[in-house]
Structure formats: structure tokens, C-alpha cells
Amino acid sequence: MTGQEQLDFKVDASNLYREDAVTDLKVASIRRMVPITADGQDDPSRSATFFGHTQILTPQGPLPLQAKLMANNLAEAIQAFPGAMEREMAQMVEQIRKMQEQEQKKQRDDSRIIVPGR
């Protein structure tokens, strides 16, 4: 590998988090990312961050959804979870729709018969 292609595996000791996970064993999985210092102590100068995770079952298999939850504590994260997952699902559906449209356009463009001299 050349210098540009090498991966940097250095840990950013000023941006460490401990992960706490909460689940209802049905739909929701909420991760609380607690900021810590390099010695493992809680870092009160930074706020915790919450992320929601779930899966949608499709004919092609489970499709993971995840989104940052705008919350200051677990109770707020639980309240924010449904709306965040709905927004994430709508965004994903829109992205899939756009990809399908692009694929259909490509197939139409590729299937044209080109006759030389016309």
C-alpha cells in the first residue's frame, strides 16, 4: 500500500464512549453512548447520545433501520423512537424508489436499438 492507501487505526482518545443498550425484546433497541475519558471515567463535559435500532421484515429478509434520537435521557429517547424510525423508513423508501427509477432508466437506455446511418 502507498501512503495514501494506508488505513489509520489510531484511537481518538478524546472522543471515547461507553455503550449502554436497552431493548423491549420486541421492536426497539436503544443505545446510549456515554462519553468517557481515556481512563474510563464518565466525562461530564460532554452529553450522552442516543441511537435507535430496529428491523423491518421484507420478502428479501430483515432490513435494519437506525437513527440518532434527539433526547437528553432514556425517557425522551423512548418517546423519540417511533417518530425517528418512521422518518428513517420514509427516507429509505424514497432512496429505494430513486434507485429503482435510475435502474429502469438505465435498462431503457441500454435496450435501445442503434441502427448505423439513421
PDB file of N, CA and C in Angstrom:
ATOM      1  N   MET A   1       0.836  -1.186   0.000  1.00  0.00           N
ATOM      2  CA  MET A   1       0.000   0.000   0.000  1.00  0.00           C
ATOM      3  C   MET A   1       0.878   1.246   0.000  1.00  0.00           C
ATOM      4  N   THR A   2       0.418   2.245  -0.707  1.00  0.00           N
ATOM      5  CA  THR A   2       1.126   3.519  -0.683  1.00  0.00           C
ATOM      6  C   THR A   2       0.666   4.314   0.526  1.00  0.00           C
ATOM      7  N   GLY A   3       1.314   5.433   0.777  1.00  0.00           N
ATOM      8  CA  GLY A   3       0.988   6.262   1.939  1.00  0.00           C
ATOM      9  C   GLY A   3      -0.470   6.689   1.974  1.00  0.00           C
ATOM     10  N   GLN A   4      -1.048   7.007   0.815  1.00  0.00           N
ATOM     11  CA  GLN A   4      -2.445   7.456   0.775  1.00  0.00           C
ATOM     12  C   GLN A   4      -3.428   6.322   1.036  1.00  0.00           C
ATOM     13  N   GLU A   5      -3.060   5.110   0.700  1.00  0.00           N
ATOM     14  CA  GLU A   5      -3.971   3.985   0.823  1.00  0.00           C
ATOM     15  C   GLU A   5      -3.964   3.336   2.201  1.00  0.00           C
ATOM     16  N   GLN A   6      -3.025   3.696   3.060  1.00  0.00           N
ATOM     17  CA  GLN A   6      -2.931   3.078   4.367  1.00  0.00           C
ATOM     18  C   GLN A   6      -4.069   3.544   5.264  1.00  0.00           C
ATOM     19  N   LEU A   7      -4.573   2.636   6.048  1.00  0.00           N
ATOM     20  CA  LEU A   7      -5.636   2.948   6.992  1.00  0.00           C
ATOM     21  C   LEU A   7      -5.036   3.462   8.283  1.00  0.00           C
ATOM     22  N   ASP A   8      -5.734   4.401   8.911  1.00  0.00           N
ATOM     23  CA  ASP A   8      -5.287   4.960  10.183  1.00  0.00           C
ATOM     24  C   ASP A   8      -6.077   4.285  11.303  1.00  0.00           C
ATOM     25  N   PHE A   9      -5.410   3.441  12.085  1.00  0.00           N
ATOM     26  CA  PHE A   9      -6.063   2.715  13.167  1.00  0.00           C
ATOM     27  C   PHE A   9      -5.878   3.381  14.525  1.00  0.00           C
ATOM     28  N   LYS A  10      -5.441   4.614  14.528  1.00  0.00           N
ATOM     29  CA  LYS A  10      -5.198   5.330  15.780  1.00  0.00           C
ATOM     30  C   LYS A  10      -6.535   5.658  16.456  1.00  0.00           C
ATOM     31  N   VAL A  11      -6.637   5.336  17.742  1.00  0.00           N
ATOM     32  CA  VAL A  11      -7.842   5.605  18.526  1.00  0.00           C
ATOM     33  C   VAL A  11      -7.836   7.065  18.961  1.00  0.00           C
ATOM     34  N   ASP A  12      -8.961   7.749  18.768  1.00  0.00           N
ATOM     35  CA  ASP A  12      -9.102   9.140  19.195  1.00  0.00           C
ATOM     36  C   ASP A  12      -9.465   9.143  20.678  1.00  0.00           C
ATOM     37  N   ALA A  13      -8.473   9.249  21.534  1.00  0.00           N
ATOM     38  CA  ALA A  13      -8.677   9.161  22.985  1.00  0.00           C
ATOM     39  C   ALA A  13      -9.503  10.306  23.540  1.00  0.00           C
ATOM     40  N   SER A  14      -9.694  11.369  22.773  1.00  0.00           N
ATOM     41  CA  SER A  14     -10.508  12.495  23.247  1.00  0.00           C
ATOM     42  C   SER A  14     -11.977  12.341  22.866  1.00  0.00           C
ATOM     43  N   ASN A  15     -12.333  11.241  22.197  1.00  0.00           N
ATOM     44  CA  ASN A  15     -13.713  11.042  21.727  1.00  0.00           C
ATOM     45  C   ASN A  15     -14.175   9.612  22.030  1.00  0.00           C
ATOM     46  N   LEU A  16     -14.017   9.193  23.273  1.00  0.00           N
ATOM     47  CA  LEU A  16     -14.387   7.836  23.666  1.00  0.00           C
ATOM     48  C   LEU A  16     -15.787   7.793  24.279  1.00  0.00           C
ATOM     49  N   TYR A  17     -16.482   6.659  24.049  1.00  0.00           N
ATOM     50  CA  TYR A  17     -17.835   6.465  24.581  1.00  0.00           C
ATOM     51  C   TYR A  17     -17.980   5.047  25.104  1.00  0.00           C
ATOM     52  N   ARG A  18     -18.804   4.912  26.125  1.00  0.00           N
ATOM     53  CA  ARG A  18     -19.214   3.595  26.621  1.00  0.00           C
ATOM     54  C   ARG A  18     -20.636   3.397  26.122  1.00  0.00           C
ATOM     55  N   GLU A  19     -20.929   2.220  25.675  1.00  0.00           N
ATOM     56  CA  GLU A  19     -22.249   1.929  25.104  1.00  0.00           C
ATOM     57  C   GLU A  19     -23.116   1.184  26.114  1.00  0.00           C
ATOM     58  N   ASP A  20     -24.303   1.733  26.377  1.00  0.00           N
ATOM     59  CA  ASP A  20     -25.322   1.057  27.182  1.00  0.00           C
ATOM     60  C   ASP A  20     -26.466   0.708  26.241  1.00  0.00           C
ATOM     61  N   ALA A  21     -26.960  -0.502  26.295  1.00  0.00           N
ATOM     62  CA  ALA A  21     -28.035  -0.935  25.406  1.00  0.00           C
ATOM     63  C   ALA A  21     -29.283  -1.255  26.206  1.00  0.00           C
ATOM     64  N   VAL A  22     -30.430  -0.851  25.647  1.00  0.00           N
ATOM     65  CA  VAL A  22     -31.736  -1.112  26.247  1.00  0.00           C
ATOM     66  C   VAL A  22     -32.633  -1.657  25.140  1.00  0.00           C
ATOM     67  N   THR A  23     -33.437  -2.674  25.440  1.00  0.00           N
ATOM     68  CA  THR A  23     -34.351  -3.223  24.440  1.00  0.00           C
ATOM     69  C   THR A  23     -35.660  -3.628  25.096  1.00  0.00           C
ATOM     70  N   ASP A  24     -36.719  -3.624  24.299  1.00  0.00           N
ATOM     71  CA  ASP A  24     -38.000  -4.134  24.787  1.00  0.00           C
ATOM     72  C   ASP A  24     -38.214  -5.585  24.338  1.00  0.00           C
ATOM     73  N   LEU A  25     -37.216  -6.169  23.683  1.00  0.00           N
ATOM     74  CA  LEU A  25     -37.237  -7.544  23.157  1.00  0.00           C
ATOM     75  C   LEU A  25     -38.326  -7.759  22.117  1.00  0.00           C
ATOM     76  N   LYS A  26     -38.883  -6.672  21.596  1.00  0.00           N
ATOM     77  CA  LYS A  26     -39.904  -6.769  20.549  1.00  0.00           C
ATOM     78  C   LYS A  26     -39.489  -5.950  19.336  1.00  0.00           C
ATOM     79  N   VAL A  27     -39.488  -4.649  19.481  1.00  0.00           N
ATOM     80  CA  VAL A  27     -39.272  -3.745  18.359  1.00  0.00           C
ATOM     81  C   VAL A  27     -38.035  -2.877  18.547  1.00  0.00           C
ATOM     82  N   ALA A  28     -37.865  -2.354  19.745  1.00  0.00           N
ATOM     83  CA  ALA A  28     -36.888  -1.288  19.959  1.00  0.00           C
ATOM     84  C   ALA A  28     -35.591  -1.761  20.572  1.00  0.00           C
ATOM     85  N   SER A  29     -34.526  -1.184  20.057  1.00  0.00           N
ATOM     86  CA  SER A  29     -33.213  -1.288  20.670  1.00  0.00           C
ATOM     87  C   SER A  29     -32.674   0.129  20.714  1.00  0.00           C
ATOM     88  N   ILE A  30     -32.333   0.595  21.907  1.00  0.00           N
ATOM     89  CA  ILE A  30     -31.825   1.954  22.080  1.00  0.00           C
ATOM     90  C   ILE A  30     -30.436   1.870  22.693  1.00  0.00           C
ATOM     91  N   ARG A  31     -29.495   2.524  22.036  1.00  0.00           N
ATOM     92  CA  ARG A  31     -28.126   2.574  22.543  1.00  0.00           C
ATOM     93  C   ARG A  31     -27.850   3.964  23.096  1.00  0.00           C
ATOM     94  N   ARG A  32     -27.350   4.011  24.308  1.00  0.00           N
ATOM     95  CA  ARG A  32     -26.924   5.275  24.901  1.00  0.00           C
ATOM     96  C   ARG A  32     -25.403   5.281  24.871  1.00  0.00           C
ATOM     97  N   MET A  33     -24.853   6.260  24.208  1.00  0.00           N
ATOM     98  CA  MET A  33     -23.416   6.407  24.103  1.00  0.00           C
ATOM     99  C   MET A  33     -22.986   7.423  25.159  1.00  0.00           C
ATOM    100  N   VAL A  34     -22.334   6.925  26.222  1.00  0.00           N
ATOM    101  CA  VAL A  34     -21.935   7.749  27.358  1.00  0.00           C
ATOM    102  C   VAL A  34     -20.493   8.195  27.154  1.00  0.00           C
ATOM    103  N   PRO A  35     -20.234   9.501  27.102  1.00  0.00           N
ATOM    104  CA  PRO A  35     -18.862   9.955  26.915  1.00  0.00           C
ATOM    105  C   PRO A  35     -17.988   9.617  28.118  1.00  0.00           C
ATOM    106  N   ILE A  36     -16.786   9.140  27.832  1.00  0.00           N
ATOM    107  CA  ILE A  36     -15.841   8.796  28.899  1.00  0.00           C
ATOM    108  C   ILE A  36     -14.469   9.386  28.570  1.00  0.00           C
ATOM    109  N   THR A  37     -13.644   9.460  29.576  1.00  0.00           N
ATOM    110  CA  THR A  37     -12.263   9.901  29.390  1.00  0.00           C
ATOM    111  C   THR A  37     -11.396   8.692  29.062  1.00  0.00           C
ATOM    112  N   ALA A  38     -10.152   8.932  28.740  1.00  0.00           N
ATOM    113  CA  ALA A  38      -9.245   7.845  28.366  1.00  0.00           C
ATOM    114  C   ALA A  38      -9.000   6.868  29.509  1.00  0.00           C
ATOM    115  N   ASP A  39      -9.249   7.287  30.761  1.00  0.00           N
ATOM    116  CA  ASP A  39      -9.081   6.362  31.887  1.00  0.00           C
ATOM    117  C   ASP A  39     -10.377   5.631  32.246  1.00  0.00           C
ATOM    118  N   GLY A  40     -11.429   5.804  31.421  1.00  0.00           N
ATOM    119  CA  GLY A  40     -12.680   5.069  31.610  1.00  0.00           C
ATOM    120  C   GLY A  40     -13.707   5.747  32.493  1.00  0.00           C
ATOM    121  N   GLN A  41     -13.403   6.922  33.009  1.00  0.00           N
ATOM    122  CA  GLN A  41     -14.350   7.651  33.862  1.00  0.00           C
ATOM    123  C   GLN A  41     -15.339   8.423  32.995  1.00  0.00           C
ATOM    124  N   ASP A  42     -16.570   8.619  33.516  1.00  0.00           N
ATOM    125  CA  ASP A  42     -17.545   9.432  32.795  1.00  0.00           C
ATOM    126  C   ASP A  42     -16.969  10.821  32.546  1.00  0.00           C
ATOM    127  N   ASP A  43     -17.264  11.379  31.376  1.00  0.00           N
ATOM    128  CA  ASP A  43     -16.800  12.709  31.004  1.00  0.00           C
ATOM    129  C   ASP A  43     -17.981  13.672  31.075  1.00  0.00           C
ATOM    130  N   PRO A  44     -18.145  14.402  32.186  1.00  0.00           N
ATOM    131  CA  PRO A  44     -19.306  15.284  32.345  1.00  0.00           C
ATOM    132  C   PRO A  44     -19.293  16.502  31.426  1.00  0.00           C
ATOM    133  N   SER A  45     -18.186  16.767  30.740  1.00  0.00           N
ATOM    134  CA  SER A  45     -18.132  17.921  29.838  1.00  0.00           C
ATOM    135  C   SER A  45     -18.837  17.660  28.510  1.00  0.00           C
ATOM    136  N   ARG A  46     -19.229  16.387  28.256  1.00  0.00           N
ATOM    137  CA  ARG A  46     -19.929  16.040  27.011  1.00  0.00           C
ATOM    138  C   ARG A  46     -21.234  15.337  27.350  1.00  0.00           C
ATOM    139  N   SER A  47     -22.208  15.470  26.466  1.00  0.00           N
ATOM    140  CA  SER A  47     -23.529  14.871  26.674  1.00  0.00           C
ATOM    141  C   SER A  47     -23.605  13.470  26.067  1.00  0.00           C
ATOM    142  N   ALA A  48     -24.456  12.646  26.658  1.00  0.00           N
ATOM    143  CA  ALA A  48     -24.730  11.326  26.093  1.00  0.00           C
ATOM    144  C   ALA A  48     -25.503  11.489  24.783  1.00  0.00           C
ATOM    145  N   THR A  49     -25.343  10.515  23.905  1.00  0.00           N
ATOM    146  CA  THR A  49     -26.040  10.496  22.624  1.00  0.00           C
ATOM    147  C   THR A  49     -26.830   9.194  22.542  1.00  0.00           C
ATOM    148  N   PHE A  50     -28.044   9.255  21.982  1.00  0.00           N
ATOM    149  CA  PHE A  50     -28.903   8.081  21.874  1.00  0.00           C
ATOM    150  C   PHE A  50     -29.123   7.722  20.411  1.00  0.00           C
ATOM    151  N   PHE A  51     -29.113   6.405  20.133  1.00  0.00           N
ATOM    152  CA  PHE A  51     -29.385   5.887  18.800  1.00  0.00           C
ATOM    153  C   PHE A  51     -30.443   4.794  18.906  1.00  0.00           C
ATOM    154  N   GLY A  52     -31.402   4.817  17.999  1.00  0.00           N
ATOM    155  CA  GLY A  52     -32.433   3.788  17.940  1.00  0.00           C
ATOM    156  C   GLY A  52     -32.153   2.817  16.812  1.00  0.00           C
ATOM    157  N   HIS A  53     -32.475   1.551  17.044  1.00  0.00           N
ATOM    158  CA  HIS A  53     -32.274   0.494  16.050  1.00  0.00           C
ATOM    159  C   HIS A  53     -33.509  -0.404  16.037  1.00  0.00           C
ATOM    160  N   THR A  54     -33.890  -0.841  14.840  1.00  0.00           N
ATOM    161  CA  THR A  54     -34.939  -1.835  14.689  1.00  0.00           C
ATOM    162  C   THR A  54     -34.738  -2.537  13.355  1.00  0.00           C
ATOM    163  N   GLN A  55     -35.586  -3.518  13.055  1.00  0.00           N
ATOM    164  CA  GLN A  55     -35.532  -4.221  11.784  1.00  0.00           C
ATOM    165  C   GLN A  55     -36.927  -4.290  11.192  1.00  0.00           C
ATOM    166  N   ILE A  56     -36.998  -4.129   9.891  1.00  0.00           N
ATOM    167  CA  ILE A  56     -38.233  -4.302   9.139  1.00  0.00           C
ATOM    168  C   ILE A  56     -38.094  -5.602   8.367  1.00  0.00           C
ATOM    169  N   LEU A  57     -39.074  -6.481   8.499  1.00  0.00           N
ATOM    170  CA  LEU A  57     -39.021  -7.750   7.761  1.00  0.00           C
ATOM    171  C   LEU A  57     -39.570  -7.529   6.353  1.00  0.00           C
ATOM    172  N   THR A  58     -38.782  -7.908   5.349  1.00  0.00           N
ATOM    173  CA  THR A  58     -39.179  -7.778   3.950  1.00  0.00           C
ATOM    174  C   THR A  58     -39.096  -9.158   3.299  1.00  0.00           C
ATOM    175  N   PRO A  59     -39.658  -9.309   2.103  1.00  0.00           N
ATOM    176  CA  PRO A  59     -39.527 -10.593   1.405  1.00  0.00           C
ATOM    177  C   PRO A  59     -38.066 -10.986   1.147  1.00  0.00           C
ATOM    178  N   GLN A  60     -37.180  -9.983   1.077  1.00  0.00           N
ATOM    179  CA  GLN A  60     -35.766 -10.259   0.843  1.00  0.00           C
ATOM    180  C   GLN A  60     -35.007 -10.498   2.147  1.00  0.00           C
ATOM    181  N   GLY A  61     -35.671 -10.373   3.285  1.00  0.00           N
ATOM    182  CA  GLY A  61     -35.027 -10.586   4.573  1.00  0.00           C
ATOM    183  C   GLY A  61     -35.118  -9.345   5.444  1.00  0.00           C
ATOM    184  N   PRO A  62     -34.549  -9.394   6.647  1.00  0.00           N
ATOM    185  CA  PRO A  62     -34.632  -8.250   7.555  1.00  0.00           C
ATOM    186  C   PRO A  62     -33.826  -7.064   7.033  1.00  0.00           C
ATOM    187  N   LEU A  63     -34.406  -5.894   7.209  1.00  0.00           N
ATOM    188  CA  LEU A  63     -33.775  -4.656   6.772  1.00  0.00           C
ATOM    189  C   LEU A  63     -33.559  -3.783   7.999  1.00  0.00           C
ATOM    190  N   PRO A  64     -32.303  -3.508   8.355  1.00  0.00           N
ATOM    191  CA  PRO A  64     -32.051  -2.729   9.564  1.00  0.00           C
ATOM    192  C   PRO A  64     -32.358  -1.247   9.368  1.00  0.00           C
ATOM    193  N   LEU A  65     -32.898  -0.637  10.394  1.00  0.00           N
ATOM    194  CA  LEU A  65     -33.119   0.807  10.443  1.00  0.00           C
ATOM    195  C   LEU A  65     -32.422   1.341  11.677  1.00  0.00           C
ATOM    196  N   GLN A  66     -31.767   2.472  11.541  1.00  0.00           N
ATOM    197  CA  GLN A  66     -31.171   3.099  12.705  1.00  0.00           C
ATOM    198  C   GLN A  66     -31.196   4.601  12.515  1.00  0.00           C
ATOM    199  N   ALA A  67     -31.305   5.316  13.637  1.00  0.00           N
ATOM    200  CA  ALA A  67     -31.350   6.766  13.585  1.00  0.00           C
ATOM    201  C   ALA A  67     -30.915   7.344  14.919  1.00  0.00           C
ATOM    202  N   LYS A  68     -30.334   8.523  14.848  1.00  0.00           N
ATOM    203  CA  LYS A  68     -29.997   9.241  16.070  1.00  0.00           C
ATOM    204  C   LYS A  68     -31.302   9.740  16.682  1.00  0.00           C
ATOM    205  N   LEU A  69     -31.413   9.607  17.994  1.00  0.00           N
ATOM    206  CA  LEU A  69     -32.612  10.044  18.704  1.00  0.00           C
ATOM    207  C   LEU A  69     -32.317  11.370  19.397  1.00  0.00           C
ATOM    208  N   MET A  70     -33.147  12.362  19.151  1.00  0.00           N
ATOM    209  CA  MET A  70     -32.982  13.654  19.799  1.00  0.00           C
ATOM    210  C   MET A  70     -33.532  13.544  21.214  1.00  0.00           C
ATOM    211  N   ALA A  71     -32.642  13.276  22.160  1.00  0.00           N
ATOM    212  CA  ALA A  71     -33.063  13.028  23.533  1.00  0.00           C
ATOM    213  C   ALA A  71     -31.942  13.376  24.494  1.00  0.00           C
ATOM    214  N   ASN A  72     -32.333  13.770  25.697  1.00  0.00           N
ATOM    215  CA  ASN A  72     -31.377  14.069  26.759  1.00  0.00           C
ATOM    216  C   ASN A  72     -31.301  12.960  27.799  1.00  0.00           C
ATOM    217  N   ASN A  73     -32.297  12.042  27.772  1.00  0.00           N
ATOM    218  CA  ASN A  73     -32.320  10.944  28.731  1.00  0.00           C
ATOM    219  C   ASN A  73     -33.079   9.778  28.111  1.00  0.00           C
ATOM    220  N   LEU A  74     -33.107   8.647  28.801  1.00  0.00           N
ATOM    221  CA  LEU A  74     -33.734   7.449  28.257  1.00  0.00           C
ATOM    222  C   LEU A  74     -35.224   7.623  28.019  1.00  0.00           C
ATOM    223  N   ALA A  75     -35.919   8.296  28.931  1.00  0.00           N
ATOM    224  CA  ALA A  75     -37.361   8.505  28.758  1.00  0.00           C
ATOM    225  C   ALA A  75     -37.642   9.281  27.475  1.00  0.00           C
ATOM    226  N   GLU A  76     -36.854  10.314  27.212  1.00  0.00           N
ATOM    227  CA  GLU A  76     -37.028  11.081  25.976  1.00  0.00           C
ATOM    228  C   GLU A  76     -36.671  10.235  24.751  1.00  0.00           C
ATOM    229  N   ALA A  77     -35.660   9.398  24.876  1.00  0.00           N
ATOM    230  CA  ALA A  77     -35.264   8.526  23.769  1.00  0.00           C
ATOM    231  C   ALA A  77     -36.388   7.549  23.423  1.00  0.00           C
ATOM    232  N   ILE A  78     -37.045   7.016  24.448  1.00  0.00           N
ATOM    233  CA  ILE A  78     -38.171   6.097  24.224  1.00  0.00           C
ATOM    234  C   ILE A  78     -39.297   6.824  23.501  1.00  0.00           C
ATOM    235  N   GLN A  79     -39.561   8.052  23.890  1.00  0.00           N
ATOM    236  CA  GLN A  79     -40.612   8.855  23.243  1.00  0.00           C
ATOM    237  C   GLN A  79     -40.234   9.186  21.797  1.00  0.00           C
ATOM    238  N   ALA A  80     -38.948   9.452  21.539  1.00  0.00           N
ATOM    239  CA  ALA A  80     -38.485   9.858  20.214  1.00  0.00           C
ATOM    240  C   ALA A  80     -38.360   8.682  19.241  1.00  0.00           C
ATOM    241  N   PHE A  81     -38.277   7.472  19.763  1.00  0.00           N
ATOM    242  CA  PHE A  81     -38.008   6.290  18.941  1.00  0.00           C
ATOM    243  C   PHE A  81     -39.007   6.103  17.788  1.00  0.00           C
ATOM    244  N   PRO A  82     -40.331   6.074  18.033  1.00  0.00           N
ATOM    245  CA  PRO A  82     -41.252   5.799  16.922  1.00  0.00           C
ATOM    246  C   PRO A  82     -41.138   6.807  15.778  1.00  0.00           C
ATOM    247  N   GLY A  83     -41.099   8.080  16.100  1.00  0.00           N
ATOM    248  CA  GLY A  83     -41.006   9.097  15.052  1.00  0.00           C
ATOM    249  C   GLY A  83     -39.714   9.013  14.272  1.00  0.00           C
ATOM    250  N   ALA A  84     -38.607   8.762  14.966  1.00  0.00           N
ATOM    251  CA  ALA A  84     -37.316   8.647  14.293  1.00  0.00           C
ATOM    252  C   ALA A  84     -37.293   7.451  13.343  1.00  0.00           C
ATOM    253  N   MET A  85     -37.874   6.331  13.756  1.00  0.00           N
ATOM    254  CA  MET A  85     -37.889   5.145  12.894  1.00  0.00           C
ATOM    255  C   MET A  85     -38.807   5.367  11.690  1.00  0.00           C
ATOM    256  N   GLU A  86     -39.945   6.048  11.901  1.00  0.00           N
ATOM    257  CA  GLU A  86     -40.847   6.339  10.784  1.00  0.00           C
ATOM    258  C   GLU A  86     -40.164   7.243   9.761  1.00  0.00           C
ATOM    259  N   ARG A  87     -39.451   8.276  10.230  1.00  0.00           N
ATOM    260  CA  ARG A  87     -38.733   9.171   9.314  1.00  0.00           C
ATOM    261  C   ARG A  87     -37.643   8.421   8.568  1.00  0.00           C
ATOM    262  N   GLU A  88     -36.907   7.577   9.283  1.00  0.00           N
ATOM    263  CA  GLU A  88     -35.836   6.809   8.655  1.00  0.00           C
ATOM    264  C   GLU A  88     -36.392   5.850   7.607  1.00  0.00           C
ATOM    265  N   MET A  89     -37.524   5.205   7.914  1.00  0.00           N
ATOM    266  CA  MET A  89     -38.134   4.283   6.957  1.00  0.00           C
ATOM    267  C   MET A  89     -38.611   5.045   5.718  1.00  0.00           C
ATOM    268  N   ALA A  90     -39.226   6.213   5.901  1.00  0.00           N
ATOM    269  CA  ALA A  90     -39.692   7.009   4.762  1.00  0.00           C
ATOM    270  C   ALA A  90     -38.513   7.434   3.886  1.00  0.00           C
ATOM    271  N   GLN A  91     -37.417   7.813   4.513  1.00  0.00           N
ATOM    272  CA  GLN A  91     -36.225   8.205   3.768  1.00  0.00           C
ATOM    273  C   GLN A  91     -35.660   7.014   2.995  1.00  0.00           C
ATOM    274  N   MET A  92     -35.637   5.851   3.616  1.00  0.00           N
ATOM    275  CA  MET A  92     -35.133   4.659   2.963  1.00  0.00           C
ATOM    276  C   MET A  92     -36.022   4.276   1.772  1.00  0.00           C
ATOM    277  N   VAL A  93     -37.333   4.349   1.947  1.00  0.00           N
ATOM    278  CA  VAL A  93     -38.260   4.028   0.859  1.00  0.00           C
ATOM    279  C   VAL A  93     -38.035   4.980  -0.315  1.00  0.00           C
ATOM    280  N   GLU A  94     -37.825   6.257  -0.015  1.00  0.00           N
ATOM    281  CA  GLU A  94     -37.564   7.239  -1.073  1.00  0.00           C
ATOM    282  C   GLU A  94     -36.263   6.921  -1.799  1.00  0.00           C
ATOM    283  N   GLN A  95     -35.227   6.534  -1.077  1.00  0.00           N
ATOM    284  CA  GLN A  95     -33.957   6.171  -1.705  1.00  0.00           C
ATOM    285  C   GLN A  95     -34.116   4.936  -2.596  1.00  0.00           C
ATOM    286  N   ILE A  96     -34.869   3.953  -2.132  1.00  0.00           N
ATOM    287  CA  ILE A  96     -35.107   2.748  -2.930  1.00  0.00           C
ATOM    288  C   ILE A  96     -35.887   3.109  -4.189  1.00  0.00           C
ATOM    289  N   ARG A  97     -36.888   3.966  -4.051  1.00  0.00           N
ATOM    290  CA  ARG A  97     -37.683   4.393  -5.213  1.00  0.00           C
ATOM    291  C   ARG A  97     -36.792   5.077  -6.247  1.00  0.00           C
ATOM    292  N   LYS A  98     -35.899   5.958  -5.799  1.00  0.00           N
ATOM    293  CA  LYS A  98     -34.991   6.652  -6.720  1.00  0.00           C
ATOM    294  C   LYS A  98     -34.050   5.673  -7.405  1.00  0.00           C
ATOM    295  N   MET A  99     -33.527   4.701  -6.653  1.00  0.00           N
ATOM    296  CA  MET A  99     -32.633   3.702  -7.245  1.00  0.00           C
ATOM    297  C   MET A  99     -33.368   2.876  -8.294  1.00  0.00           C
ATOM    298  N   GLN A 100     -34.637   2.515  -8.008  1.00  0.00           N
ATOM    299  CA  GLN A 100     -35.417   1.737  -8.965  1.00  0.00           C
ATOM    300  C   GLN A 100     -35.666   2.549 -10.236  1.00  0.00           C
ATOM    301  N   GLU A 101     -35.969   3.840 -10.090  1.00  0.00           N
ATOM    302  CA  GLU A 101     -36.173   4.696 -11.253  1.00  0.00           C
ATOM    303  C   GLU A 101     -34.904   4.794 -12.093  1.00  0.00           C
ATOM    304  N   GLN A 102     -33.755   4.938 -11.430  1.00  0.00           N
ATOM    305  CA  GLN A 102     -32.482   5.013 -12.147  1.00  0.00           C
ATOM    306  C   GLN A 102     -32.197   3.713 -12.884  1.00  0.00           C
ATOM    307  N   GLU A 103     -32.474   2.586 -12.243  1.00  0.00           N
ATOM    308  CA  GLU A 103     -32.248   1.290 -12.875  1.00  0.00           C
ATOM    309  C   GLU A 103     -33.167   1.107 -14.083  1.00  0.00           C
ATOM    310  N   GLN A 104     -34.437   1.516 -13.949  1.00  0.00           N
ATOM    311  CA  GLN A 104     -35.370   1.406 -15.071  1.00  0.00           C
ATOM    312  C   GLN A 104     -34.929   2.290 -16.233  1.00  0.00           C
ATOM    313  N   LYS A 105     -34.468   3.496 -15.944  1.00  0.00           N
ATOM    314  CA  LYS A 105     -33.984   4.395 -16.989  1.00  0.00           C
ATOM    315  C   LYS A 105     -32.766   3.787 -17.668  1.00  0.00           C
ATOM    316  N   LYS A 106     -31.854   3.225 -16.902  1.00  0.00           N
ATOM    317  CA  LYS A 106     -30.661   2.599 -17.471  1.00  0.00           C
ATOM    318  C   LYS A 106     -31.052   1.429 -18.368  1.00  0.00           C
ATOM    319  N   GLN A 107     -32.012   0.625 -17.927  1.00  0.00           N
ATOM    320  CA  GLN A 107     -32.447  -0.518 -18.736  1.00  0.00           C
ATOM    321  C   GLN A 107     -33.082  -0.035 -20.041  1.00  0.00           C
ATOM    322  N   ARG A 108     -33.885   1.050 -19.961  1.00  0.00           N
ATOM    323  CA  ARG A 108     -34.491   1.594 -21.188  1.00  0.00           C
ATOM    324  C   ARG A 108     -33.407   2.109 -22.127  1.00  0.00           C
ATOM    325  N   ASP A 109     -32.430   2.839 -21.576  1.00  0.00           N
ATOM    326  CA  ASP A 109     -31.349   3.379 -22.395  1.00  0.00           C
ATOM    327  C   ASP A 109     -30.511   2.259 -23.006  1.00  0.00           C
ATOM    328  N   ASP A 110     -30.255   1.206 -22.248  1.00  0.00           N
ATOM    329  CA  ASP A 110     -29.432   0.096 -22.730  1.00  0.00           C
ATOM    330  C   ASP A 110     -30.153  -0.764 -23.763  1.00  0.00           C
ATOM    331  N   SER A 111     -31.484  -0.728 -23.765  1.00  0.00           N
ATOM    332  CA  SER A 111     -32.231  -1.607 -24.650  1.00  0.00           C
ATOM    333  C   SER A 111     -32.555  -0.955 -26.007  1.00  0.00           C
ATOM    334  N   ARG A 112     -32.174   0.276 -26.191  1.00  0.00           N
ATOM    335  CA  ARG A 112     -32.416   0.919 -27.493  1.00  0.00           C
ATOM    336  C   ARG A 112     -31.583   0.255 -28.578  1.00  0.00           C
ATOM    337  N   ILE A 113     -32.210   0.091 -29.708  1.00  0.00           N
ATOM    338  CA  ILE A 113     -31.506  -0.475 -30.861  1.00  0.00           C
ATOM    339  C   ILE A 113     -30.942   0.688 -31.662  1.00  0.00           C
ATOM    340  N   ILE A 114     -29.651   0.647 -31.864  1.00  0.00           N
ATOM    341  CA  ILE A 114     -28.988   1.713 -32.623  1.00  0.00           C
ATOM    342  C   ILE A 114     -28.690   1.160 -34.007  1.00  0.00           C
ATOM    343  N   VAL A 115     -29.250   1.830 -35.003  1.00  0.00           N
ATOM    344  CA  VAL A 115     -29.037   1.415 -36.385  1.00  0.00           C
ATOM    345  C   VAL A 115     -28.066   2.406 -37.019  1.00  0.00           C
ATOM    346  N   PRO A 116     -26.920   1.936 -37.478  1.00  0.00           N
ATOM    347  CA  PRO A 116     -25.955   2.842 -38.093  1.00  0.00           C
ATOM    348  C   PRO A 116     -26.534   3.528 -39.334  1.00  0.00           C
ATOM    349  N   GLY A 117     -26.206   4.804 -39.475  1.00  0.00           N
ATOM    350  CA  GLY A 117     -26.646   5.542 -40.656  1.00  0.00           C
ATOM    351  C   GLY A 117     -28.019   6.186 -40.501  1.00  0.00           C
ATOM    352  N   ARG A 118     -28.684   6.027 -39.394  1.00  0.00           N
ATOM    353  CA  ARG A 118     -30.008   6.654 -39.204  1.00  0.00           C
ATOM    354  C   ARG A 118     -29.913   7.761 -38.218  1.00  0.00           C
TER     355      ARG A 118
END
